[in-house]
Protein backbone atom coordinates (compact mmCIF):
# COMPACT_ATOMS: atom_id res chain seq x y z
CA MET A 1 10.52 -19.32 12.29
CA LYS A 2 8.18 -18.99 9.30
CA LYS A 3 7.40 -15.40 10.26
CA TRP A 4 11.13 -14.56 10.36
CA ILE A 5 11.68 -16.19 6.95
CA ARG A 6 8.81 -14.20 5.40
CA HIS A 7 10.23 -11.01 6.88
CA PHE A 8 13.69 -11.82 5.51
CA MET A 9 12.32 -12.58 2.05
CA HIS A 10 10.36 -9.35 2.07
CA ARG A 11 13.56 -7.43 2.75
CA ALA A 12 15.46 -9.30 0.07
CA GLU A 13 12.85 -8.47 -2.57
CA ARG A 14 12.87 -4.78 -1.82
CA LYS A 15 12.68 -2.64 -4.94
CA ALA A 16 15.60 -0.33 -5.67
CA SER A 17 16.62 1.95 -8.51
CA ALA A 18 19.55 0.74 -10.58
CA THR A 19 20.84 4.28 -11.19
CA ALA A 20 20.32 5.71 -7.69
CA PRO A 21 23.71 4.62 -6.27
CA LEU A 22 25.55 6.42 -9.09
CA PHE A 23 24.60 9.96 -8.05
CA ALA A 24 24.95 9.16 -4.34
CA THR A 25 28.47 7.73 -4.22
CA SER A 26 30.28 11.09 -4.39
CA GLY A 27 28.69 12.49 -1.22
CA ALA A 28 27.46 9.42 0.60
CA HIS A 29 27.36 9.55 4.42
CA GLN A 30 28.37 13.26 4.48
CA PRO A 31 25.91 16.15 4.87
CA LEU A 32 25.55 18.36 1.80
CA TRP A 33 25.07 22.12 1.99
CA THR A 34 22.19 23.69 0.13
CA PRO A 35 23.20 25.08 -3.30
CA ARG A 36 22.53 28.71 -2.34
CA GLN A 37 22.40 30.38 1.05
CA TYR A 38 18.87 30.55 2.37
CA ASP A 39 19.51 33.56 4.58
CA ARG A 40 20.74 35.67 1.65
CA LEU A 41 17.77 34.64 -0.49
CA ALA A 42 15.31 35.42 2.30
CA GLU A 43 16.92 38.78 3.10
CA GLU A 44 17.30 40.13 -0.44
CA GLY A 45 14.16 38.54 -1.86
CA TYR A 46 11.67 38.63 1.02
CA GLN A 47 12.72 41.17 3.63
CA LYS A 48 13.90 43.82 1.15
CA ASN A 49 11.47 43.33 -1.73
CA MET A 50 7.81 44.17 -1.29
CA VAL A 51 6.74 42.26 -4.43
CA VAL A 52 8.20 38.95 -3.20
CA TYR A 53 6.77 39.60 0.25
CA ARG A 54 3.33 40.24 -1.23
CA CYS A 55 3.44 37.16 -3.49
CA VAL A 56 4.59 34.83 -0.70
CA SER A 57 2.03 36.27 1.71
CA LEU A 58 -0.86 35.88 -0.75
CA ILE A 59 -0.04 32.24 -1.49
CA SER A 60 0.91 31.12 2.04
CA ARG A 61 -2.03 32.84 3.73
CA GLY A 62 -4.34 31.38 1.11
CA VAL A 63 -3.06 27.87 1.86
CA GLY A 64 -3.38 28.53 5.59
CA SER A 65 -7.01 29.63 5.29
CA VAL A 66 -8.25 26.31 3.86
CA SER A 67 -10.07 23.79 6.04
CA TRP A 68 -8.87 20.16 6.07
CA ARG A 69 -10.89 16.99 6.41
CA LEU A 70 -10.05 13.39 7.26
CA TYR A 71 -11.55 10.38 5.49
CA LYS A 72 -11.52 6.66 6.27
CA ASN A 73 -12.51 4.32 3.46
CA GLY A 74 -13.94 7.31 1.61
CA LYS A 75 -16.19 8.43 4.49
CA ARG A 76 -15.57 11.59 6.44
CA VAL A 77 -14.30 11.18 10.02
CA GLU A 78 -15.32 13.84 12.53
CA THR A 79 -13.09 12.82 15.47
CA HIS A 80 -9.73 11.09 15.26
CA PRO A 81 -6.24 11.55 16.82
CA LEU A 82 -4.83 12.31 13.36
CA LEU A 83 -7.43 15.02 12.79
CA SER A 84 -6.66 16.52 16.21
CA LEU A 85 -2.95 16.53 15.33
CA ILE A 86 -3.39 18.35 12.03
CA LEU A 87 -5.74 20.92 13.57
CA ASN A 88 -3.29 21.59 16.43
CA PRO A 89 0.21 20.65 15.20
CA ASN A 90 2.05 22.01 18.25
CA PRO A 91 1.43 24.27 21.28
CA GLN A 92 2.81 27.33 19.45
CA GLN A 93 0.91 26.99 16.16
CA GLY A 94 -2.56 26.18 14.96
CA LEU A 95 -3.40 24.76 11.55
CA ALA A 96 -3.52 28.15 9.77
CA ARG A 97 -0.14 29.39 10.99
CA PHE A 98 1.47 25.98 10.48
CA MET A 99 0.32 25.75 6.85
CA GLU A 100 1.28 29.38 6.24
CA GLY A 101 4.83 28.78 7.51
CA LEU A 102 5.12 25.52 5.58
CA THR A 103 4.17 27.21 2.31
CA ALA A 104 6.36 30.26 2.95
CA TYR A 105 9.44 28.08 3.52
CA LEU A 106 8.70 26.20 0.30
CA LEU A 107 8.31 29.45 -1.67
CA LEU A 108 11.46 31.03 -0.23
CA ALA A 109 13.86 28.10 0.04
CA GLY A 110 12.37 25.48 -2.26
CA ASN A 111 12.61 23.10 0.72
CA VAL A 112 10.51 22.54 3.82
CA TYR A 113 11.22 20.11 6.66
CA ILE A 114 8.58 18.87 9.12
CA GLU A 115 9.57 16.96 12.26
CA ALA A 116 7.12 14.56 13.88
CA VAL A 117 7.50 14.19 17.63
CA ALA A 118 6.57 10.58 18.26
CA PRO A 119 7.42 8.99 21.64
CA SER A 120 5.48 5.96 20.43
CA HIS A 121 4.28 4.97 16.96
CA GLU A 122 1.78 7.80 16.46
CA PRO A 123 3.14 11.38 16.34
CA LEU A 124 1.88 13.79 18.97
CA GLU A 125 3.22 17.07 17.56
CA LEU A 126 4.52 18.50 14.27
CA TYR A 127 7.19 21.18 14.00
CA LEU A 128 8.58 23.16 11.05
CA LEU A 129 12.38 23.23 10.85
CA ARG A 130 14.21 26.19 9.35
CA PRO A 131 15.60 25.07 5.97
CA ASP A 132 19.04 26.60 6.52
CA ARG A 133 19.53 24.49 9.65
CA VAL A 134 18.84 21.15 7.97
CA MET A 135 21.23 19.26 5.70
CA VAL A 136 20.54 16.07 3.80
CA VAL A 137 22.95 13.19 4.40
CA PRO A 138 22.98 11.13 1.18
CA GLY A 139 22.86 7.38 1.47
CA ALA A 140 24.69 4.86 -0.68
CA SER A 141 21.43 3.61 -2.20
CA GLY A 142 20.44 7.02 -3.59
CA THR A 143 18.02 7.87 -0.78
CA PRO A 144 18.76 10.08 2.24
CA GLU A 145 20.58 8.30 5.03
CA ALA A 146 19.67 10.95 7.59
CA PHE A 147 18.79 14.60 8.13
CA GLN A 148 21.31 16.65 10.10
CA TYR A 149 19.94 19.57 12.12
CA THR A 150 22.54 22.12 13.22
CA MET A 151 22.01 25.04 15.58
CA GLY A 152 24.43 26.95 17.80
CA GLY A 153 27.36 24.74 16.87
CA ARG A 154 25.53 21.56 17.90
CA SER A 155 24.27 18.95 15.43
CA LEU A 156 21.67 16.20 15.63
CA ARG A 157 21.15 13.43 13.11
CA ILE A 158 17.65 12.11 12.49
CA PRO A 159 17.97 8.75 10.68
CA VAL A 160 16.01 7.49 7.70
CA ASP A 161 14.89 3.87 7.49
CA PRO A 162 16.99 2.32 4.68
CA LEU A 163 14.25 -0.19 3.83
CA ASN A 164 11.17 1.97 3.36
CA GLY A 165 12.70 5.47 3.35
CA ARG A 166 10.54 6.62 6.28
CA SER A 167 11.78 9.13 8.82
CA ARG A 168 10.56 11.42 11.58
CA VAL A 169 11.34 14.25 9.17
CA LEU A 170 9.32 14.94 6.04
CA HIS A 171 11.23 16.75 3.30
CA ILE A 172 9.04 18.51 0.72
CA LYS A 173 10.98 20.10 -2.11
CA THR A 174 10.36 21.79 -5.42
CA PHE A 175 11.78 20.46 -8.66
CA ASN A 176 15.48 21.21 -9.15
CA PRO A 177 17.01 20.23 -12.51
CA LEU A 178 20.59 20.44 -11.21
CA ASN A 179 20.40 18.96 -7.72
CA ASP A 180 19.23 15.54 -6.58
CA TRP A 181 18.82 16.37 -2.90
CA TYR A 182 17.47 19.92 -2.62
CA GLY A 183 14.68 21.87 -4.27
CA MET A 184 15.16 25.13 -6.14
CA SER A 185 13.92 28.37 -4.64
CA PRO A 186 11.66 30.49 -6.89
CA ILE A 187 13.82 33.44 -5.84
CA GLU A 188 16.66 31.95 -7.88
CA ALA A 189 14.55 32.14 -11.04
CA ALA A 190 13.56 35.73 -10.24
CA ALA A 191 16.98 36.80 -8.91
CA HIS A 192 17.82 39.26 -11.71
CA SER A 193 14.40 40.90 -11.58
CA ILE A 194 14.60 41.15 -7.77
CA ASP A 195 18.07 42.73 -7.95
CA GLN A 196 16.85 45.22 -10.54
CA HIS A 197 13.75 46.08 -8.50
CA ASN A 198 15.83 46.56 -5.34
CA ALA A 199 18.44 48.65 -7.21
CA VAL A 200 15.79 51.01 -8.56
CA ALA A 201 14.24 51.41 -5.11
CA ALA A 202 17.65 52.09 -3.53
CA HIS A 203 18.58 54.58 -6.27
CA ASN A 204 15.32 56.48 -5.87
CA LEU A 205 15.81 56.62 -2.11
CA PHE A 206 19.34 57.99 -2.42
CA LEU A 207 18.16 60.46 -5.06
CA LEU A 208 15.41 61.74 -2.75
CA GLN A 209 17.88 61.99 0.11
CA ASN A 210 20.06 64.10 -2.17
CA GLY A 211 17.27 66.52 -2.96
CA GLY A 212 16.32 64.93 -6.27
CA ARG A 213 19.55 65.99 -7.96
CA PRO A 214 21.48 63.56 -10.17
CA SER A 215 25.24 63.24 -9.79
CA GLY A 216 27.50 65.66 -11.65
CA ALA A 217 30.79 67.55 -11.63
CA LEU A 218 31.74 71.13 -10.73
CA GLN A 219 34.16 72.48 -13.34
CA PHE A 220 36.55 75.26 -12.30
CA ARG A 221 37.37 77.85 -14.96
CA PRO A 222 40.04 80.31 -13.75
CA GLY A 223 40.13 83.88 -14.99
CA LYS A 224 42.95 85.52 -16.90
CA HIS A 225 44.90 86.36 -13.75
CA GLY A 226 43.66 83.44 -11.71
CA MET A 227 45.28 80.16 -10.82
CA ASP A 228 45.45 77.45 -13.47
CA ILE A 229 44.37 74.67 -11.12
CA LEU A 230 43.11 74.26 -7.59
CA THR A 231 45.45 72.95 -4.96
CA ASP A 232 44.64 69.71 -3.20
CA GLU A 233 43.71 71.61 -0.07
CA GLN A 234 41.37 73.95 -1.97
CA ARG A 235 39.76 71.06 -3.84
CA GLN A 236 39.16 69.11 -0.64
CA ARG A 237 37.69 72.15 1.14
CA LEU A 238 35.41 72.93 -1.81
CA ARG A 239 34.18 69.32 -1.93
CA GLN A 240 33.38 69.35 1.78
CA GLU A 241 31.57 72.71 1.57
CA LEU A 242 29.42 71.42 -1.28
CA ARG A 243 28.52 68.28 0.68
CA ASP A 244 27.54 70.29 3.71
CA ALA A 245 25.48 72.70 1.60
CA VAL A 246 23.55 70.46 -0.78
CA GLU A 247 23.69 66.79 0.26
CA GLY A 248 20.77 65.34 2.16
CA SER A 249 17.02 65.86 1.95
CA GLN A 250 17.19 68.61 4.57
CA ASN A 251 19.18 70.79 2.13
CA SER A 252 16.73 70.44 -0.77
CA GLY A 253 16.29 73.74 -2.61
CA ARG A 254 19.01 75.45 -0.62
CA ILE A 255 20.84 78.32 -2.37
CA ILE A 256 24.64 78.41 -2.24
CA ILE A 257 26.99 81.27 -3.12
CA MET A 258 30.44 80.50 -4.47
CA GLU A 259 33.40 82.65 -5.49
CA GLY A 260 35.27 82.24 -8.76
CA ASP A 261 34.19 80.92 -12.14
CA PHE A 262 32.49 77.54 -11.74
CA GLU A 263 30.25 75.56 -14.06
CA TRP A 264 28.05 72.57 -13.20
CA LYS A 265 28.22 69.54 -15.52
CA GLU A 266 25.69 66.75 -15.17
CA MET A 267 27.38 63.32 -15.22
CA GLY A 268 24.31 61.06 -15.17
CA LEU A 269 20.90 60.61 -16.69
CA SER A 270 17.80 61.91 -14.96
CA PRO A 271 15.22 59.43 -13.61
CA LYS A 272 12.90 60.48 -16.45
CA ASP A 273 15.58 59.64 -19.04
CA LEU A 274 16.22 56.26 -17.42
CA ASP A 275 12.47 55.53 -17.22
CA PHE A 276 12.92 54.02 -13.78
CA ILE A 277 9.24 53.76 -12.95
CA GLN A 278 8.38 51.62 -15.96
CA GLY A 279 11.48 49.50 -15.38
CA LYS A 280 10.41 48.94 -11.79
CA TYR A 281 6.92 47.88 -12.90
CA LEU A 282 8.44 45.50 -15.44
CA SER A 283 10.62 43.88 -12.74
CA ALA A 284 7.63 43.59 -10.42
CA ARG A 285 5.59 41.94 -13.17
CA GLU A 286 8.37 39.41 -13.83
CA ILE A 287 8.63 38.55 -10.13
CA SER A 288 4.88 38.02 -9.84
CA GLN A 289 4.95 35.78 -12.92
CA VAL A 290 7.60 33.57 -11.32
CA TYR A 291 5.38 33.05 -8.28
CA GLY A 292 2.21 32.64 -10.32
CA VAL A 293 0.47 35.69 -8.84
CA PRO A 294 -1.56 37.99 -11.13
CA PRO A 295 0.22 41.37 -11.25
CA MET A 296 -3.04 43.14 -10.41
CA LEU A 297 -2.94 41.60 -6.92
CA VAL A 298 0.59 42.91 -6.36
CA GLY A 299 -0.51 46.48 -7.05
CA ILE A 300 1.02 47.03 -10.49
CA PRO A 301 -0.98 49.75 -12.32
CA GLY A 302 -1.91 49.44 -15.95
CA GLU A 303 -2.33 45.67 -15.78
CA SER A 304 -5.22 44.79 -18.09
CA THR A 305 -4.80 41.01 -18.35
CA PHE A 306 -7.69 40.41 -15.94
CA SER A 307 -10.99 42.19 -16.28
CA ASN A 308 -11.48 42.61 -12.56
CA TYR A 309 -10.11 41.82 -9.14
CA LYS A 310 -12.43 38.84 -8.62
CA GLU A 311 -11.16 37.13 -11.77
CA ALA A 312 -7.54 37.73 -10.72
CA ARG A 313 -8.20 36.10 -7.33
CA TYR A 314 -9.84 33.15 -9.02
CA HIS A 315 -6.80 32.57 -11.25
CA LEU A 316 -4.47 32.88 -8.22
CA TRP A 317 -6.33 30.05 -6.50
CA GLU A 318 -6.84 27.93 -9.59
CA ASP A 319 -3.30 28.19 -11.00
CA THR A 320 -1.14 28.58 -7.88
CA ILE A 321 -2.70 27.92 -4.47
CA LEU A 322 -4.62 24.74 -5.36
CA PRO A 323 -1.51 23.05 -6.86
CA HIS A 324 0.35 23.80 -3.61
CA LEU A 325 -2.52 22.29 -1.63
CA GLU A 326 -2.34 19.17 -3.81
CA ILE A 327 1.39 18.80 -3.06
CA ILE A 328 0.82 19.13 0.69
CA LYS A 329 -2.12 16.71 0.60
CA SER A 330 -0.21 14.01 -1.28
CA GLU A 331 2.84 14.31 1.00
CA PHE A 332 0.75 14.10 4.17
CA ASN A 333 -1.21 11.13 2.84
CA GLN A 334 2.02 9.30 2.07
CA TRP A 335 4.01 10.23 5.19
CA LEU A 336 1.65 11.07 8.05
CA ALA A 337 -1.66 9.25 7.51
CA PRO A 338 -0.23 5.66 7.41
CA LEU A 339 1.20 6.15 10.92
CA PHE A 340 -2.35 6.21 12.31
CA GLY A 341 -3.71 3.23 10.43
CA GLU A 342 -4.78 2.09 7.00
CA ASP A 343 -7.37 3.64 4.68
CA LEU A 344 -6.94 7.14 6.16
CA SER A 345 -6.52 10.12 3.86
CA PHE A 346 -6.53 13.91 4.01
CA ASP A 347 -8.33 16.28 1.72
CA TYR A 348 -9.02 20.02 1.76
CA ASP A 349 -12.43 21.63 1.61
CA THR A 350 -12.81 23.60 -1.63
CA ASP A 351 -16.35 24.63 -0.70
CA SER A 352 -14.93 26.93 2.00
CA ILE A 353 -12.89 28.95 -0.50
CA PRO A 354 -14.77 32.16 -1.46
CA ALA A 355 -12.65 32.79 -4.56
CA LEU A 356 -13.84 29.51 -6.10
CA ALA A 357 -17.52 30.26 -5.58
CA PRO A 358 -18.15 31.14 -9.28
CA LYS A 359 -16.69 27.80 -10.37
CA ARG A 360 -18.71 25.92 -7.76
CA GLU A 361 -21.92 27.70 -8.72
CA ALA A 362 -21.36 26.90 -12.40
CA LEU A 363 -20.77 23.22 -11.58
CA TRP A 364 -23.85 22.99 -9.40
CA GLY A 365 -25.89 24.64 -12.14
CA LYS A 366 -24.78 22.05 -14.70
CA ILE A 367 -25.54 19.18 -12.31
CA GLU A 368 -28.95 20.61 -11.48
CA LYS A 369 -29.86 20.79 -15.18
CA ALA A 370 -28.70 17.21 -15.90
CA SER A 371 -32.03 15.48 -16.33
CA PHE A 372 -30.41 12.06 -16.90
CA LEU A 373 -28.96 11.90 -13.35
CA THR A 374 -30.79 10.63 -10.31
CA ILE A 375 -31.10 12.67 -7.12
CA ASN A 376 -28.47 10.58 -5.32
CA GLU A 377 -26.10 10.80 -8.29
CA LYS A 378 -26.37 14.58 -8.19
CA ARG A 379 -25.80 14.59 -4.42
CA ALA A 380 -22.72 12.38 -4.83
CA LEU A 381 -21.24 14.75 -7.42
CA VAL A 382 -21.43 17.69 -5.01
CA GLY A 383 -20.16 15.69 -2.02
CA TYR A 384 -23.36 14.80 -0.18
CA SER A 385 -24.50 11.39 1.07
CA PRO A 386 -27.46 9.59 -0.56
CA ILE A 387 -30.99 9.85 0.75
CA SER A 388 -33.89 7.40 0.80
CA ASN A 389 -35.94 7.34 -2.39
CA GLY A 390 -33.14 9.23 -4.12
CA ASP A 391 -32.50 6.68 -6.84
CA ARG A 392 -34.97 8.26 -9.19
CA LEU A 393 -35.05 11.03 -11.76
CA GLU A 394 -36.67 14.30 -10.80
């Protein structure tokens, strides 16, 4: 009886936001669609734009290449069911591919959903869910009531515990200033630059297919005894003959012979006049800035912000990839680690990252020169355990 009373009192004293129910009442208990269609964003921004593809690949593959470690009470654990789970999330994916897909979904959709398959208390497998197939079901208290997964006309609701907010699904999202339930895709911020970059690429392709000739008009000037205007039949036949003679890359440089008095009038600007190449580089630079990737790594020529390729890679890791790793680490430590027991925590191994070697070497050099630190204090700063007779100055 006392145990039941303590449990009841614990539930009654549960903390709750006073403002959370206000933004949840309008859509409570009903699934909400994502603000923008994920498939359109992925198609236009990732599949059809090499700059976005390169940026997402650099970041996601970088995250996937990092080794992870498990700690219990601050000490590294070599074997544990949780460590085995994170190293082999499911039969189809290892750790590298799982982390790569997780990061790619976050960079493309602004949302990533991870399902834990748990027949008992401890999960046995982890799966990534496509963001466009998952909808958040708002709860009356301002927290999700459930996650609805829809595929092939069939839907499945995965509930969320109303007391502690825990669920078999982990939702990681980016910051969205205009939506309480879904994150904002970086593609939305770079949408205009992506559209411009794609438009220039499409225009150049069509121009090459047309033999490098800009659009124009053929002006008919009849002679003194000629007809004043062409008939509809003559105009249509002339248009078709011109298409057959000059359109397409296979007709480039082809000479045509025409009767009558005709004059060609250009109706558009040449690619040189439009300065398409520089405009394309500008769009590519803006896209890379949105994703936090140095333009040098995307292949933009003339980029002099970084002195060399090594420095550009260092800034990519320091400014972009490491913050993503911190987000993943904090989410896993809050959602996944407590399911396997207390005092467990994940962390990633920065020593295995080649791009951060200059920073690590500089830190080790400073520690080595610190004459006021003991040997064990120096070892602790670089992540090593103490040794006997190490509590002395060198």
